[in-house]
């Protein structure tokens, strides 16, 4: 209940792995990778709907020609 979900395009670039996000607790952090963008958004939404909505909104403004999930 106190874990924090973190998503950053900079983090993905640093680890050179797409569709990644971190789940951090007081004692450790875990980097997770989804199979594709849709799965990652579904996981982010399950953990934190507000974060997932913010990410979707930012991505849709930048790439309007790509289909929305």
PDB file of N, CA and C in Angstrom:
ATOM      1  N   UNK A   1       0.812  -1.205   0.000  1.00  0.00           N
ATOM      2  CA  UNK A   1       0.000   0.000   0.000  1.00  0.00           C
ATOM      3  C   UNK A   1       0.851   1.263   0.000  1.00  0.00           C
ATOM      4  N   UNK A   2       2.117   1.152   0.368  1.00  0.00           N
ATOM      5  CA  UNK A   2       2.973   2.342   0.387  1.00  0.00           C
ATOM      6  C   UNK A   2       3.986   2.345  -0.749  1.00  0.00           C
ATOM      7  N   UNK A   3       3.894   1.382  -1.653  1.00  0.00           N
ATOM      8  CA  UNK A   3       4.830   1.341  -2.785  1.00  0.00           C
ATOM      9  C   UNK A   3       4.549   2.495  -3.734  1.00  0.00           C
ATOM     10  N   UNK A   4       5.589   2.941  -4.395  1.00  0.00           N
ATOM     11  CA  UNK A   4       5.480   4.032  -5.352  1.00  0.00           C
ATOM     12  C   UNK A   4       5.832   3.498  -6.731  1.00  0.00           C
ATOM     13  N   UNK A   5       5.013   3.821  -7.729  1.00  0.00           N
ATOM     14  CA  UNK A   5       5.267   3.410  -9.103  1.00  0.00           C
ATOM     15  C   UNK A   5       5.895   4.584  -9.830  1.00  0.00           C
ATOM     16  N   UNK A   6       7.005   4.322 -10.521  1.00  0.00           N
ATOM     17  CA  UNK A   6       7.717   5.385 -11.225  1.00  0.00           C
ATOM     18  C   UNK A   6       7.895   5.011 -12.685  1.00  0.00           C
ATOM     19  N   UNK A   7       7.600   5.975 -13.561  1.00  0.00           N
ATOM     20  CA  UNK A   7       7.802   5.785 -14.997  1.00  0.00           C
ATOM     21  C   UNK A   7       8.535   7.003 -15.515  1.00  0.00           C
ATOM     22  N   UNK A   8       9.540   6.770 -16.337  1.00  0.00           N
ATOM     23  CA  UNK A   8      10.298   7.873 -16.910  1.00  0.00           C
ATOM     24  C   UNK A   8      10.896   7.429 -18.241  1.00  0.00           C
ATOM     25  N   UNK A   9      10.720   8.254 -19.261  1.00  0.00           N
ATOM     26  CA  UNK A   9      11.353   7.948 -20.542  1.00  0.00           C
ATOM     27  C   UNK A   9      12.874   8.010 -20.412  1.00  0.00           C
ATOM     28  N   UNK A  10      13.371   8.884 -19.541  1.00  0.00           N
ATOM     29  CA  UNK A  10      14.812   8.957 -19.292  1.00  0.00           C
ATOM     30  C   UNK A  10      15.320   7.651 -18.696  1.00  0.00           C
ATOM     31  N   UNK A  11      14.539   7.073 -17.790  1.00  0.00           N
ATOM     32  CA  UNK A  11      14.909   5.791 -17.178  1.00  0.00           C
ATOM     33  C   UNK A  11      14.968   4.697 -18.248  1.00  0.00           C
ATOM     34  N   UNK A  12      13.992   4.680 -19.154  1.00  0.00           N
ATOM     35  CA  UNK A  12      13.984   3.682 -20.220  1.00  0.00           C
ATOM     36  C   UNK A  12      15.209   3.849 -21.118  1.00  0.00           C
ATOM     37  N   UNK A  13      15.567   5.097 -21.422  1.00  0.00           N
ATOM     38  CA  UNK A  13      16.738   5.350 -22.257  1.00  0.00           C
ATOM     39  C   UNK A  13      18.023   4.922 -21.549  1.00  0.00           C
ATOM     40  N   UNK A  14      18.071   5.146 -20.249  1.00  0.00           N
ATOM     41  CA  UNK A  14      19.265   4.804 -19.484  1.00  0.00           C
ATOM     42  C   UNK A  14      19.496   3.291 -19.460  1.00  0.00           C
ATOM     43  N   UNK A  15      18.438   2.524 -19.246  1.00  0.00           N
ATOM     44  CA  UNK A  15      18.598   1.069 -19.190  1.00  0.00           C
ATOM     45  C   UNK A  15      18.499   0.433 -20.578  1.00  0.00           C
ATOM     46  N   UNK A  16      18.193   1.271 -21.590  1.00  0.00           N
ATOM     47  CA  UNK A  16      18.100   0.823 -22.990  1.00  0.00           C
ATOM     48  C   UNK A  16      17.124  -0.337 -23.147  1.00  0.00           C
ATOM     49  N   UNK A  17      16.002  -0.228 -22.431  1.00  0.00           N
ATOM     50  CA  UNK A  17      14.987  -1.266 -22.452  1.00  0.00           C
ATOM     51  C   UNK A  17      13.619  -0.599 -22.525  1.00  0.00           C
ATOM     52  N   UNK A  18      12.835  -0.911 -23.544  1.00  0.00           N
ATOM     53  CA  UNK A  18      11.518  -0.280 -23.668  1.00  0.00           C
ATOM     54  C   UNK A  18      10.500  -0.888 -22.697  1.00  0.00           C
ATOM     55  N   UNK A  19       9.420  -0.149 -22.490  1.00  0.00           N
ATOM     56  CA  UNK A  19       8.277  -0.618 -21.702  1.00  0.00           C
ATOM     57  C   UNK A  19       8.653  -0.996 -20.275  1.00  0.00           C
ATOM     58  N   UNK A  20       9.481  -0.180 -19.650  1.00  0.00           N
ATOM     59  CA  UNK A  20       9.910  -0.454 -18.277  1.00  0.00           C
ATOM     60  C   UNK A  20       9.356   0.591 -17.319  1.00  0.00           C
ATOM     61  N   UNK A  21       9.162   0.161 -16.088  1.00  0.00           N
ATOM     62  CA  UNK A  21       8.756   1.054 -15.008  1.00  0.00           C
ATOM     63  C   UNK A  21       9.247   0.444 -13.703  1.00  0.00           C
ATOM     64  N   UNK A  22       9.303   1.257 -12.688  1.00  0.00           N
ATOM     65  CA  UNK A  22       9.831   0.793 -11.402  1.00  0.00           C
ATOM     66  C   UNK A  22       8.734   0.811 -10.341  1.00  0.00           C
ATOM     67  N   UNK A  23       8.811  -0.155  -9.446  1.00  0.00           N
ATOM     68  CA  UNK A  23       7.975  -0.185  -8.251  1.00  0.00           C
ATOM     69  C   UNK A  23       8.948  -0.112  -7.075  1.00  0.00           C
ATOM     70  N   UNK A  24       8.804   0.939  -6.264  1.00  0.00           N
ATOM     71  CA  UNK A  24       9.744   1.181  -5.166  1.00  0.00           C
ATOM     72  C   UNK A  24       9.029   1.133  -3.827  1.00  0.00           C
ATOM     73  N   UNK A  25       9.669   0.461  -2.888  1.00  0.00           N
ATOM     74  CA  UNK A  25       9.180   0.433  -1.512  1.00  0.00           C
ATOM     75  C   UNK A  25      10.237   1.083  -0.633  1.00  0.00           C
ATOM     76  N   UNK A  26       9.978   1.114   0.643  1.00  0.00           N
ATOM     77  CA  UNK A  26      10.932   1.690   1.586  1.00  0.00           C
ATOM     78  C   UNK A  26      12.259   0.936   1.569  1.00  0.00           C
ATOM     79  N   UNK A  27      12.215  -0.368   1.277  1.00  0.00           N
ATOM     80  CA  UNK A  27      13.410  -1.197   1.393  1.00  0.00           C
ATOM     81  C   UNK A  27      14.053  -1.598   0.070  1.00  0.00           C
ATOM     82  N   UNK A  28      13.306  -1.501  -1.041  1.00  0.00           N
ATOM     83  CA  UNK A  28      13.898  -1.903  -2.320  1.00  0.00           C
ATOM     84  C   UNK A  28      13.101  -1.370  -3.489  1.00  0.00           C
ATOM     85  N   UNK A  29      13.710  -1.460  -4.661  1.00  0.00           N
ATOM     86  CA  UNK A  29      13.041  -1.087  -5.901  1.00  0.00           C
ATOM     87  C   UNK A  29      13.155  -2.226  -6.895  1.00  0.00           C
ATOM     88  N   UNK A  30      12.125  -2.373  -7.713  1.00  0.00           N
ATOM     89  CA  UNK A  30      12.109  -3.425  -8.716  1.00  0.00           C
ATOM     90  C   UNK A  30      11.805  -2.782 -10.065  1.00  0.00           C
ATOM     91  N   UNK A  31      12.632  -3.070 -11.061  1.00  0.00           N
ATOM     92  CA  UNK A  31      12.405  -2.585 -12.407  1.00  0.00           C
ATOM     93  C   UNK A  31      11.663  -3.674 -13.164  1.00  0.00           C
ATOM     94  N   UNK A  32      10.507  -3.332 -13.719  1.00  0.00           N
ATOM     95  CA  UNK A  32       9.673  -4.299 -14.429  1.00  0.00           C
ATOM     96  C   UNK A  32       9.594  -3.933 -15.895  1.00  0.00           C
ATOM     97  N   UNK A  33       9.470  -4.952 -16.754  1.00  0.00           N
ATOM     98  CA  UNK A  33       9.327  -4.718 -18.185  1.00  0.00           C
ATOM     99  C   UNK A  33       8.086  -5.446 -18.686  1.00  0.00           C
ATOM    100  N   UNK A  34       7.237  -4.714 -19.382  1.00  0.00           N
ATOM    101  CA  UNK A  34       6.051  -5.299 -19.999  1.00  0.00           C
ATOM    102  C   UNK A  34       6.398  -5.740 -21.418  1.00  0.00           C
ATOM    103  N   UNK A  35       5.544  -6.591 -21.986  1.00  0.00           N
ATOM    104  CA  UNK A  35       5.788  -7.096 -23.340  1.00  0.00           C
ATOM    105  C   UNK A  35       5.645  -6.026 -24.407  1.00  0.00           C
ATOM    106  N   UNK A  36       4.740  -5.052 -24.179  1.00  0.00           N
ATOM    107  CA  UNK A  36       4.513  -4.004 -25.179  1.00  0.00           C
ATOM    108  C   UNK A  36       3.930  -2.773 -24.480  1.00  0.00           C
ATOM    109  N   UNK A  37       3.694  -1.702 -25.258  1.00  0.00           N
ATOM    110  CA  UNK A  37       3.165  -0.452 -24.695  1.00  0.00           C
ATOM    111  C   UNK A  37       1.819  -0.647 -24.019  1.00  0.00           C
ATOM    112  N   UNK A  38       0.933  -1.406 -24.657  1.00  0.00           N
ATOM    113  CA  UNK A  38      -0.404  -1.604 -24.095  1.00  0.00           C
ATOM    114  C   UNK A  38      -0.333  -2.314 -22.745  1.00  0.00           C
ATOM    115  N   UNK A  39       0.465  -3.370 -22.666  1.00  0.00           N
ATOM    116  CA  UNK A  39       0.619  -4.079 -21.388  1.00  0.00           C
ATOM    117  C   UNK A  39       1.199  -3.165 -20.313  1.00  0.00           C
ATOM    118  N   UNK A  40       2.185  -2.350 -20.686  1.00  0.00           N
ATOM    119  CA  UNK A  40       2.783  -1.441 -19.715  1.00  0.00           C
ATOM    120  C   UNK A  40       1.729  -0.454 -19.215  1.00  0.00           C
ATOM    121  N   UNK A  41       0.952   0.117 -20.131  1.00  0.00           N
ATOM    122  CA  UNK A  41      -0.095   1.052 -19.716  1.00  0.00           C
ATOM    123  C   UNK A  41      -1.143   0.376 -18.846  1.00  0.00           C
ATOM    124  N   UNK A  42      -1.486  -0.865 -19.165  1.00  0.00           N
ATOM    125  CA  UNK A  42      -2.450  -1.605 -18.345  1.00  0.00           C
ATOM    126  C   UNK A  42      -1.909  -1.824 -16.925  1.00  0.00           C
ATOM    127  N   UNK A  43      -0.625  -2.189 -16.818  1.00  0.00           N
ATOM    128  CA  UNK A  43      -0.014  -2.385 -15.493  1.00  0.00           C
ATOM    129  C   UNK A  43       0.042  -1.063 -14.729  1.00  0.00           C
ATOM    130  N   UNK A  44       0.483   0.000 -15.419  1.00  0.00           N
ATOM    131  CA  UNK A  44       0.554   1.302 -14.756  1.00  0.00           C
ATOM    132  C   UNK A  44      -0.822   1.741 -14.275  1.00  0.00           C
ATOM    133  N   UNK A  45      -1.853   1.506 -15.095  1.00  0.00           N
ATOM    134  CA  UNK A  45      -3.206   1.870 -14.700  1.00  0.00           C
ATOM    135  C   UNK A  45      -3.660   1.065 -13.476  1.00  0.00           C
ATOM    136  N   UNK A  46      -3.300  -0.212 -13.439  1.00  0.00           N
ATOM    137  CA  UNK A  46      -3.674  -1.047 -12.297  1.00  0.00           C
ATOM    138  C   UNK A  46      -3.017  -0.549 -11.008  1.00  0.00           C
ATOM    139  N   UNK A  47      -1.773  -0.104 -11.108  1.00  0.00           N
ATOM    140  CA  UNK A  47      -1.060   0.392  -9.930  1.00  0.00           C
ATOM    141  C   UNK A  47      -1.473   1.811  -9.570  1.00  0.00           C
ATOM    142  N   UNK A  48      -1.565   2.677 -10.599  1.00  0.00           N
ATOM    143  CA  UNK A  48      -1.775   4.102 -10.347  1.00  0.00           C
ATOM    144  C   UNK A  48      -2.504   4.723 -11.539  1.00  0.00           C
ATOM    145  N   UNK A  49      -3.838   4.767 -11.501  1.00  0.00           N
ATOM    146  CA  UNK A  49      -4.607   5.291 -12.634  1.00  0.00           C
ATOM    147  C   UNK A  49      -4.249   6.724 -13.020  1.00  0.00           C
ATOM    148  N   UNK A  50      -3.939   7.580 -12.034  1.00  0.00           N
ATOM    149  CA  UNK A  50      -3.595   8.964 -12.359  1.00  0.00           C
ATOM    150  C   UNK A  50      -2.277   9.052 -13.124  1.00  0.00           C
ATOM    151  N   UNK A  51      -1.292   8.277 -12.726  1.00  0.00           N
ATOM    152  CA  UNK A  51      -0.015   8.253 -13.426  1.00  0.00           C
ATOM    153  C   UNK A  51      -0.207   7.744 -14.851  1.00  0.00           C
ATOM    154  N   UNK A  52      -0.960   6.661 -15.017  1.00  0.00           N
ATOM    155  CA  UNK A  52      -1.189   6.099 -16.349  1.00  0.00           C
ATOM    156  C   UNK A  52      -1.898   7.098 -17.246  1.00  0.00           C
ATOM    157  N   UNK A  53      -2.877   7.814 -16.720  1.00  0.00           N
ATOM    158  CA  UNK A  53      -3.590   8.821 -17.508  1.00  0.00           C
ATOM    159  C   UNK A  53      -2.688   9.952 -17.929  1.00  0.00           C
ATOM    160  N   UNK A  54      -1.807  10.381 -17.058  1.00  0.00           N
ATOM    161  CA  UNK A  54      -0.859  11.450 -17.383  1.00  0.00           C
ATOM    162  C   UNK A  54       0.092  11.014 -18.486  1.00  0.00           C
ATOM    163  N   UNK A  55       0.589   9.797 -18.401  1.00  0.00           N
ATOM    164  CA  UNK A  55       1.513   9.273 -19.412  1.00  0.00           C
ATOM    165  C   UNK A  55       0.806   9.150 -20.751  1.00  0.00           C
ATOM    166  N   UNK A  56      -0.395   8.582 -20.771  1.00  0.00           N
ATOM    167  CA  UNK A  56      -1.163   8.441 -22.016  1.00  0.00           C
ATOM    168  C   UNK A  56      -1.418   9.784 -22.659  1.00  0.00           C
ATOM    169  N   UNK A  57      -1.782  10.767 -21.848  1.00  0.00           N
ATOM    170  CA  UNK A  57      -2.068  12.101 -22.361  1.00  0.00           C
ATOM    171  C   UNK A  57      -0.819  12.720 -22.998  1.00  0.00           C
ATOM    172  N   UNK A  58       0.315  12.580 -22.314  1.00  0.00           N
ATOM    173  CA  UNK A  58       1.564  13.144 -22.827  1.00  0.00           C
ATOM    174  C   UNK A  58       1.973  12.454 -24.123  1.00  0.00           C
ATOM    175  N   UNK A  59       1.850  11.136 -24.182  1.00  0.00           N
ATOM    176  CA  UNK A  59       2.226  10.402 -25.387  1.00  0.00           C
ATOM    177  C   UNK A  59       1.293  10.705 -26.547  1.00  0.00           C
ATOM    178  N   UNK A  60       0.008  10.872 -26.296  1.00  0.00           N
ATOM    179  CA  UNK A  60      -0.934  11.143 -27.382  1.00  0.00           C
ATOM    180  C   UNK A  60      -0.727  12.546 -27.948  1.00  0.00           C
ATOM    181  N   UNK A  61      -0.305  13.493 -27.139  1.00  0.00           N
ATOM    182  CA  UNK A  61      -0.011  14.838 -27.640  1.00  0.00           C
ATOM    183  C   UNK A  61       1.233  14.836 -28.511  1.00  0.00           C
ATOM    184  N   UNK A  62       2.168  13.972 -28.200  1.00  0.00           N
ATOM    185  CA  UNK A  62       3.419  13.934 -28.940  1.00  0.00           C
ATOM    186  C   UNK A  62       3.287  13.108 -30.220  1.00  0.00           C
ATOM    187  N   UNK A  63       2.490  12.035 -30.210  1.00  0.00           N
ATOM    188  CA  UNK A  63       2.358  11.117 -31.335  1.00  0.00           C
ATOM    189  C   UNK A  63       0.889  10.965 -31.718  1.00  0.00           C
ATOM    190  N   UNK A  64       0.258  12.005 -32.287  1.00  0.00           N
ATOM    191  CA  UNK A  64      -1.179  11.926 -32.568  1.00  0.00           C
ATOM    192  C   UNK A  64      -1.554  10.913 -33.632  1.00  0.00           C
ATOM    193  N   UNK A  65      -0.633  10.470 -34.462  1.00  0.00           N
ATOM    194  CA  UNK A  65      -0.974   9.535 -35.526  1.00  0.00           C
ATOM    195  C   UNK A  65      -0.999   8.082 -35.066  1.00  0.00           C
ATOM    196  N   UNK A  66      -0.458   7.790 -33.876  1.00  0.00           N
ATOM    197  CA  UNK A  66      -0.448   6.417 -33.378  1.00  0.00           C
ATOM    198  C   UNK A  66      -1.780   6.092 -32.730  1.00  0.00           C
ATOM    199  N   UNK A  67      -2.220   4.824 -32.840  1.00  0.00           N
ATOM    200  CA  UNK A  67      -3.495   4.444 -32.229  1.00  0.00           C
ATOM    201  C   UNK A  67      -3.428   4.542 -30.713  1.00  0.00           C
ATOM    202  N   UNK A  68      -4.548   4.919 -30.104  1.00  0.00           N
ATOM    203  CA  UNK A  68      -4.621   5.018 -28.638  1.00  0.00           C
ATOM    204  C   UNK A  68      -5.109   3.694 -28.083  1.00  0.00           C
ATOM    205  N   UNK A  69      -4.584   3.331 -26.908  1.00  0.00           N
ATOM    206  CA  UNK A  69      -4.961   2.064 -26.262  1.00  0.00           C
ATOM    207  C   UNK A  69      -5.841   2.316 -25.083  1.00  0.00           C
TER     208      UNK A  69
END
